[in-house]
Protein backbone atom coordinates (compact mmCIF):
# COMPACT_ATOMS: atom_id res chain seq x y z
CA UNK A 1 21.99 -6.21 -77.86
CA UNK A 2 19.42 -4.84 -75.45
CA UNK A 3 19.89 -7.82 -73.14
CA UNK A 4 23.67 -7.34 -73.11
CA UNK A 5 23.29 -3.59 -72.20
CA UNK A 6 20.83 -4.44 -69.43
CA UNK A 7 23.28 -7.03 -68.06
CA UNK A 8 26.12 -4.50 -67.95
CA UNK A 9 23.89 -1.93 -66.19
CA UNK A 10 22.90 -4.44 -63.51
CA UNK A 11 26.54 -5.43 -63.01
CA UNK A 12 27.61 -1.77 -62.56
CA UNK A 13 24.82 -1.11 -60.03
CA UNK A 14 25.63 -4.25 -58.06
CA UNK A 15 29.35 -3.35 -57.89
CA UNK A 16 28.57 0.18 -56.63
CA UNK A 17 26.25 -1.23 -53.99
CA UNK A 18 28.96 -3.63 -52.85
CA UNK A 19 31.44 -0.80 -52.45
CA UNK A 20 28.93 1.17 -50.34
CA UNK A 21 28.32 -1.86 -48.09
CA UNK A 22 32.07 -2.37 -47.60
CA UNK A 23 32.45 1.34 -46.75
CA UNK A 24 29.66 1.25 -44.17
CA UNK A 25 30.74 -2.05 -42.68
CA UNK A 26 34.35 -0.93 -42.28
CA UNK A 27 35.76 -4.28 -43.44
CA UNK A 28 37.95 -2.69 -46.11
CA UNK A 29 39.65 0.73 -46.34
CA UNK A 30 39.13 2.36 -49.72
CA UNK A 31 41.26 5.13 -51.12
CA UNK A 32 39.20 8.24 -51.82
CA UNK A 33 39.70 10.13 -55.06
CA UNK A 34 41.16 13.62 -55.06
CA UNK A 35 37.80 15.21 -55.81
CA UNK A 36 36.25 13.91 -52.58
CA UNK A 37 39.25 15.17 -50.54
CA UNK A 38 38.83 18.65 -51.96
CA UNK A 39 35.12 18.62 -51.25
CA UNK A 40 35.71 17.51 -47.64
CA UNK A 41 38.35 20.19 -47.09
CA UNK A 42 36.10 22.85 -48.55
CA UNK A 43 33.22 21.75 -46.38
CA UNK A 44 35.36 21.78 -43.25
CA UNK A 45 36.66 25.24 -44.06
CA UNK A 46 33.17 26.60 -44.60
CA UNK A 47 32.06 25.10 -41.29
CA UNK A 48 34.96 26.69 -39.44
CA UNK A 49 34.48 30.12 -40.99
CA UNK A 50 30.69 30.37 -41.14
CA UNK A 51 28.61 31.71 -38.27
CA UNK A 52 29.89 33.44 -35.14
CA UNK A 53 32.89 32.56 -33.01
CA UNK A 54 32.08 29.88 -30.44
CA UNK A 55 34.01 27.88 -27.88
CA UNK A 56 33.74 24.11 -27.48
CA UNK A 57 34.80 22.43 -24.27
CA UNK A 58 36.53 19.08 -23.96
CA UNK A 59 33.36 17.50 -22.58
CA UNK A 60 31.38 18.68 -25.59
CA UNK A 61 33.96 17.17 -27.92
CA UNK A 62 33.63 13.83 -26.14
CA UNK A 63 29.82 14.04 -26.37
CA UNK A 64 30.07 14.73 -30.11
CA UNK A 65 32.35 11.71 -30.56
CA UNK A 66 29.89 9.51 -28.66
CA UNK A 67 26.99 10.78 -30.78
CA UNK A 68 28.95 10.07 -33.96
CA UNK A 69 29.71 6.55 -32.74
CA UNK A 70 26.04 5.96 -31.91
CA UNK A 71 24.99 7.21 -35.34
CA UNK A 72 27.57 4.94 -36.99
CA UNK A 73 26.30 1.99 -34.97
CA UNK A 74 22.73 2.79 -35.96
CA UNK A 75 23.66 2.73 -39.63
CA UNK A 76 25.37 -0.63 -39.21
CA UNK A 77 22.21 -2.01 -37.52
CA UNK A 78 20.12 -0.87 -40.44
CA UNK A 79 18.61 2.27 -38.88
CA UNK A 80 17.82 5.00 -41.37
CA UNK A 81 20.16 8.03 -41.40
CA UNK A 82 18.92 11.36 -40.08
CA UNK A 83 17.29 13.48 -42.81
CA UNK A 84 19.19 16.51 -44.04
CA UNK A 85 18.04 20.01 -43.29
CA UNK A 86 15.17 21.26 -45.38
CA UNK A 87 16.32 22.97 -48.52
CA UNK A 88 19.81 21.46 -48.37
CA UNK A 89 20.41 19.92 -51.76
CA UNK A 90 23.50 18.51 -53.38
CA UNK A 91 26.16 21.16 -53.74
CA UNK A 92 24.54 23.48 -51.14
CA UNK A 93 25.48 23.94 -47.50
CA UNK A 94 22.72 24.33 -44.98
CA UNK A 95 22.97 26.37 -41.76
CA UNK A 96 25.31 24.94 -39.14
CA UNK A 97 23.22 23.68 -36.20
CA UNK A 98 23.99 25.38 -32.90
CA UNK A 99 24.33 23.54 -29.63
CA UNK A 100 21.70 24.48 -27.12
CA UNK A 101 23.71 25.75 -24.16
CA UNK A 102 27.24 24.40 -24.18
CA UNK A 103 29.05 27.19 -26.01
CA UNK A 104 27.10 29.97 -24.28
CA UNK A 105 27.84 28.42 -20.89
CA UNK A 106 31.55 28.24 -21.62
CA UNK A 107 31.51 31.81 -22.93
CA UNK A 108 29.97 32.99 -19.66
CA UNK A 109 32.64 31.08 -17.74
CA UNK A 110 35.39 32.74 -19.76
CA UNK A 111 33.87 36.16 -19.20
CA UNK A 112 33.66 35.53 -15.45
CA UNK A 113 37.29 34.35 -15.42
CA UNK A 114 38.33 37.53 -17.27
CA UNK A 115 36.51 39.74 -14.76
CA UNK A 116 38.20 38.01 -11.84
CA UNK A 117 41.63 38.14 -13.45
CA UNK A 118 41.32 41.90 -13.98
CA UNK A 119 41.31 42.43 -10.23
CA UNK A 120 44.27 40.17 -9.53
CA UNK A 121 47.78 41.47 -9.13
CA UNK A 122 49.79 40.92 -12.30
CA UNK A 123 53.34 42.06 -13.06
CA UNK A 124 53.34 45.22 -15.11
CA UNK A 125 55.89 46.20 -17.67
CA UNK A 126 56.81 49.73 -18.65
CA UNK A 127 56.84 50.35 -22.38
CA UNK A 128 58.59 53.20 -24.16
CA UNK A 129 57.00 54.25 -27.43
CA UNK A 130 58.18 57.00 -29.77
CA UNK A 131 54.90 58.47 -30.94
CA UNK A 132 56.26 61.28 -33.12
CA UNK A 133 59.49 62.85 -34.35
CA UNK A 134 59.72 66.39 -35.70
CA UNK A 135 62.58 68.31 -37.27
CA UNK A 136 63.22 71.56 -35.38
CA UNK A 137 65.13 74.40 -37.02
CA UNK A 138 66.53 77.15 -34.83
CA UNK A 139 68.84 80.03 -35.62
CA UNK A 140 72.08 78.14 -35.31
CA UNK A 141 71.03 74.49 -35.13
CA UNK A 142 68.73 71.88 -36.59
CA UNK A 143 67.77 68.71 -34.78
CA UNK A 144 65.09 66.03 -34.45
CA UNK A 145 62.83 66.09 -31.39
CA UNK A 146 61.47 62.68 -30.38
CA UNK A 147 58.26 62.42 -28.32
CA UNK A 148 58.23 59.32 -26.12
CA UNK A 149 55.25 57.98 -24.17
CA UNK A 150 55.67 55.86 -21.03
CA UNK A 151 52.97 53.19 -21.09
CA UNK A 152 52.19 50.62 -18.40
CA UNK A 153 51.17 47.32 -19.94
CA UNK A 154 47.94 45.90 -18.62
CA UNK A 155 46.59 49.25 -17.45
CA UNK A 156 44.68 52.12 -19.00
CA UNK A 157 46.08 55.51 -18.04
CA UNK A 158 43.71 58.42 -18.48
CA UNK A 159 46.48 60.94 -19.04
CA UNK A 160 49.76 60.18 -20.83
CA UNK A 161 53.22 60.57 -19.37
CA UNK A 162 55.38 61.98 -22.15
CA UNK A 163 58.81 63.46 -22.72
CA UNK A 164 60.43 65.19 -25.69
CA UNK A 165 64.15 64.54 -26.18
CA UNK A 166 66.72 65.03 -28.91
CA UNK A 167 69.66 62.83 -29.88
CA UNK A 168 72.13 64.77 -27.72
CA UNK A 169 69.98 64.07 -24.62
CA UNK A 170 70.10 60.33 -25.28
CA UNK A 171 73.82 60.55 -25.97
CA UNK A 172 74.44 62.30 -22.66
CA UNK A 173 72.42 59.67 -20.79
CA UNK A 174 74.34 56.89 -22.51
CA UNK A 175 77.69 58.50 -21.62
CA UNK A 176 76.80 59.04 -17.96
CA UNK A 177 75.50 55.51 -17.50
CA UNK A 178 78.54 53.94 -19.16
CA UNK A 179 80.81 55.84 -16.78
CA UNK A 180 78.96 54.49 -13.73
CA UNK A 181 77.68 51.09 -14.92
CA UNK A 182 80.38 49.95 -17.32
CA UNK A 183 79.77 46.21 -16.96
CA UNK A 184 75.96 46.45 -17.20
CA UNK A 185 76.14 48.77 -20.19
CA UNK A 186 78.57 46.56 -22.14
CA UNK A 187 75.80 44.68 -23.92
CA UNK A 188 73.50 47.65 -24.57
CA UNK A 189 73.61 49.11 -28.06
CA UNK A 190 73.30 52.81 -28.81
CA UNK A 191 72.70 54.34 -32.27
CA UNK A 192 75.83 55.97 -33.68
CA UNK A 193 75.99 59.60 -34.67
CA UNK A 194 75.97 60.23 -38.41
CA UNK A 195 77.57 63.08 -40.32
CA UNK A 196 75.10 63.00 -43.19
CA UNK A 197 71.45 62.08 -43.83
CA UNK A 198 70.39 62.68 -40.22
CA UNK A 199 67.02 64.11 -41.22
CA UNK A 200 65.80 61.52 -43.70
CA UNK A 201 62.66 59.56 -42.89
CA UNK A 202 64.60 56.29 -42.88
CA UNK A 203 67.18 57.52 -40.38
CA UNK A 204 64.54 59.01 -38.09
CA UNK A 205 62.49 55.78 -38.16
CA UNK A 206 65.53 53.62 -37.37
CA UNK A 207 66.60 55.90 -34.51
CA UNK A 208 63.10 55.95 -33.08
CA UNK A 209 63.09 52.17 -32.88
CA UNK A 210 66.65 52.16 -31.49
CA UNK A 211 65.73 54.64 -28.73
CA UNK A 212 62.74 52.51 -27.73
CA UNK A 213 64.95 49.44 -27.41
CA UNK A 214 67.65 51.44 -25.63
CA UNK A 215 65.28 52.69 -22.91
CA UNK A 216 63.59 49.30 -22.53
CA UNK A 217 66.96 47.61 -22.09
CA UNK A 218 68.04 50.18 -19.48
CA UNK A 219 64.79 49.81 -17.56
CA UNK A 220 65.19 46.03 -17.44
CA UNK A 221 68.32 46.39 -15.24
CA UNK A 222 67.32 47.11 -11.64
CA UNK A 223 70.39 49.11 -10.63
CA UNK A 224 70.16 51.34 -13.68
CA UNK A 225 66.42 52.05 -13.51
CA UNK A 226 66.78 53.15 -9.85
CA UNK A 227 69.79 55.40 -10.54
CA UNK A 228 69.40 59.21 -10.44
CA UNK A 229 70.95 59.46 -13.91
CA UNK A 230 68.22 57.34 -15.47
CA UNK A 231 65.31 58.80 -13.47
CA UNK A 232 66.26 62.45 -13.93
CA UNK A 233 66.58 61.93 -17.67
CA UNK A 234 62.79 61.68 -17.69
CA UNK A 235 61.49 64.28 -15.24
CA UNK A 236 64.25 66.75 -14.33
CA UNK A 237 63.59 68.97 -17.36
CA UNK A 238 59.88 69.12 -16.49
CA UNK A 239 60.65 70.02 -12.87
CA UNK A 240 62.95 72.84 -13.96
CA UNK A 241 60.42 74.19 -16.46
CA UNK A 242 57.58 73.98 -13.93
CA UNK A 243 59.64 75.82 -11.33
CA UNK A 244 60.38 78.65 -13.77
CA UNK A 245 56.71 78.93 -14.73
CA UNK A 246 55.68 79.02 -11.06
CA UNK A 247 58.20 81.76 -10.28
CA UNK A 248 56.82 83.90 -13.12
CA UNK A 249 53.20 83.44 -11.99
CA UNK A 250 52.10 81.29 -14.96
CA UNK A 251 50.29 78.86 -12.72
CA UNK A 252 48.04 77.20 -15.31
CA UNK A 253 51.01 76.31 -17.55
CA UNK A 254 53.07 75.31 -14.51
CA UNK A 255 50.28 73.04 -13.27
CA UNK A 256 50.29 71.02 -16.50
CA UNK A 257 54.08 70.60 -16.31
CA UNK A 258 54.01 69.61 -12.64
CA UNK A 259 51.27 67.08 -13.44
CA UNK A 260 53.31 65.50 -16.23
CA UNK A 261 56.33 65.25 -13.91
CA UNK A 262 54.07 63.57 -11.34
CA UNK A 263 52.91 60.99 -13.89
CA UNK A 264 56.46 60.31 -15.05
CA UNK A 265 57.65 59.62 -11.51
CA UNK A 266 54.61 57.46 -10.87
CA UNK A 267 55.31 55.34 -13.98
CA UNK A 268 58.97 54.99 -13.05
CA UNK A 269 58.26 54.03 -9.43
CA UNK A 270 60.06 57.08 -8.00
CA UNK A 271 57.32 58.24 -5.64
CA UNK A 272 59.48 58.01 -2.52
CA UNK A 273 62.15 60.51 -3.51
CA UNK A 274 62.60 64.15 -2.55
CA UNK A 275 61.83 65.15 -6.13
CA UNK A 276 58.37 63.67 -5.75
CA UNK A 277 57.68 65.70 -2.59
CA UNK A 278 58.77 68.82 -4.46
CA UNK A 279 56.37 67.86 -7.27
CA UNK A 280 53.51 67.59 -4.77
CA UNK A 281 54.47 70.99 -3.39
CA UNK A 282 54.33 72.48 -6.89
CA UNK A 283 50.92 70.94 -7.54
CA UNK A 284 49.59 72.19 -4.19
CA UNK A 285 50.84 75.74 -4.76
CA UNK A 286 49.46 75.96 -8.32
CA UNK A 287 46.08 74.51 -7.33
CA UNK A 288 45.85 76.95 -4.44
CA UNK A 289 46.75 79.94 -6.62
CA UNK A 290 44.06 78.86 -9.11
CA UNK A 291 41.46 78.56 -6.29
CA UNK A 292 41.29 74.78 -6.66
CA UNK A 293 41.44 74.26 -2.92
CA UNK A 294 40.18 70.68 -2.82
CA UNK A 295 42.91 69.51 -5.18
CA UNK A 296 45.54 71.45 -3.23
CA UNK A 297 44.35 69.86 0.02
CA UNK A 298 44.62 66.39 -1.55
CA UNK A 299 48.23 67.04 -2.62
CA UNK A 300 49.15 68.10 0.91
CA UNK A 301 47.53 65.00 2.38
CA UNK A 302 49.46 62.73 0.02
CA UNK A 303 52.71 64.47 0.92
CA UNK A 304 52.03 64.15 4.66
CA UNK A 305 51.36 60.43 4.25
CA UNK A 306 54.79 60.06 2.65
CA UNK A 307 56.35 62.11 5.46
CA UNK A 308 54.56 60.10 8.17
CA UNK A 309 57.55 57.89 8.94
CA UNK A 310 60.10 60.72 8.85
CA UNK A 311 60.84 62.57 12.05
CA UNK A 312 62.09 65.71 10.36
CA UNK A 313 62.14 67.02 6.82
CA UNK A 314 62.57 70.55 5.41
CA UNK A 315 59.13 70.34 3.77
CA UNK A 316 57.27 68.86 6.77
CA UNK A 317 56.52 72.18 8.49
CA UNK A 318 55.45 73.99 5.28
CA UNK A 319 53.20 71.09 4.28
CA UNK A 320 51.59 70.98 7.75
CA UNK A 321 50.92 74.72 7.70
CA UNK A 322 49.42 74.54 4.22
CA UNK A 323 47.32 71.51 5.13
CA UNK A 324 45.86 73.19 8.24
CA UNK A 325 44.97 76.31 6.26
CA UNK A 326 43.42 74.37 3.35
CA UNK A 327 41.53 71.99 5.68
CA UNK A 328 39.93 75.00 7.35
CA UNK A 329 39.00 76.42 3.92
CA UNK A 330 37.40 73.23 2.58
CA UNK A 331 35.89 72.08 5.89
CA UNK A 332 38.08 69.04 6.49
CA UNK A 333 39.48 67.66 9.74
CA UNK A 334 42.73 69.41 10.68
CA UNK A 335 43.28 68.21 14.24
CA UNK A 336 45.99 65.67 13.38
CA UNK A 337 48.03 68.24 11.45
CA UNK A 338 47.62 70.77 14.26
CA UNK A 339 48.92 68.20 16.75
CA UNK A 340 51.96 67.50 14.58
CA UNK A 341 52.58 71.23 14.26
CA UNK A 342 52.52 71.54 18.03
CA UNK A 343 55.12 68.77 18.29
CA UNK A 344 57.33 70.65 15.83
CA UNK A 345 57.02 73.85 17.85
CA UNK A 346 58.20 72.08 20.98
CA UNK A 347 61.06 70.26 19.26
CA UNK A 348 62.51 72.92 16.96
CA UNK A 349 62.69 76.59 16.04
CA UNK A 350 59.57 78.76 15.87
CA UNK A 351 57.39 78.14 12.86
CA UNK A 352 57.35 81.84 12.07
CA UNK A 353 60.94 81.50 10.88
CA UNK A 354 60.13 78.65 8.51
CA UNK A 355 59.40 79.46 4.84
CA UNK A 356 56.04 78.81 3.28
CA UNK A 357 55.47 76.00 0.80
CA UNK A 358 55.69 78.42 -2.11
CA UNK A 359 58.96 79.90 -0.85
CA UNK A 360 60.47 76.43 -0.48
CA UNK A 361 59.39 75.63 -3.99
CA UNK A 362 60.98 78.72 -5.49
CA UNK A 363 64.25 78.46 -3.55
CA UNK A 364 64.80 74.73 -4.16
CA UNK A 365 67.83 74.24 -6.47
CA UNK A 366 67.11 71.90 -9.38
CA UNK A 367 70.31 70.91 -11.14
């Protein structure tokens, strides 16, 4: 009996050894049981998820393949396999060995590429995001006021450019654009007016998303985004409010409104219009009234740069006079502005008859 048991044990050991030799030699392909597949998958998952994120280049992958082939060849030639890490027993995973300098080198290359790409010119897209919506109740009406931020993708803006509009403002814009751009507006959807449930959270959320898509679609059409109807939807209300505040002497409040109108026009690419020059005039006047002479001088300089190519403009004389006065106050060079003033004196009416920058700002009709 004992001899028969010993014979069976030797036969089982010899058969297992034969299977191992066939596996190492690669002469036969053996189907693996399900348990080994699960263990391999689990081990691969743990390797991918353990440790820190690293990058592997194509060259490193080829080197790893060559090393694996050399190790396989060494096993076939009878070389002993590399010992496992100390403390790594069956059923335990040891620490994943790190490559000496490959991943860190590639990481540095990616960081350098990112730094160089930040300085390159990339197309920017203007995003419209409804950041909040509040229900406003007045004496005779109740409506939802939507706050929309204008965000340039790929850039970090220190100060936001924001507007607050209600449904009737969007409806008026939609009506005006459809009258002028009927063909372009044919495929643009607009949220319908509802008789009931206008102030529920679901309706407000759906309209917020619809308004974002509506403005993005309008801005994607070149003729529409350059039209006065589209541009003035964003900054005309701010210009009117800032003008009223300036006329009443509330210069600090007016300055914030002028600044927001400036940012809106900058985001929309409307810095070459007459509205933008009026905005610079408002900023210069408010800064000067608040004794912020350096900022006022900078606004005048920016306006004069825009007026450089224009032979005559109603705001050219007032800006030149303000720039000469502010340059003298802050100790800046004023000779170029004085020379341009002299040319205006010789070519036109006396400067004494021209209004000041503040007078032009107050008298300018904004409709």
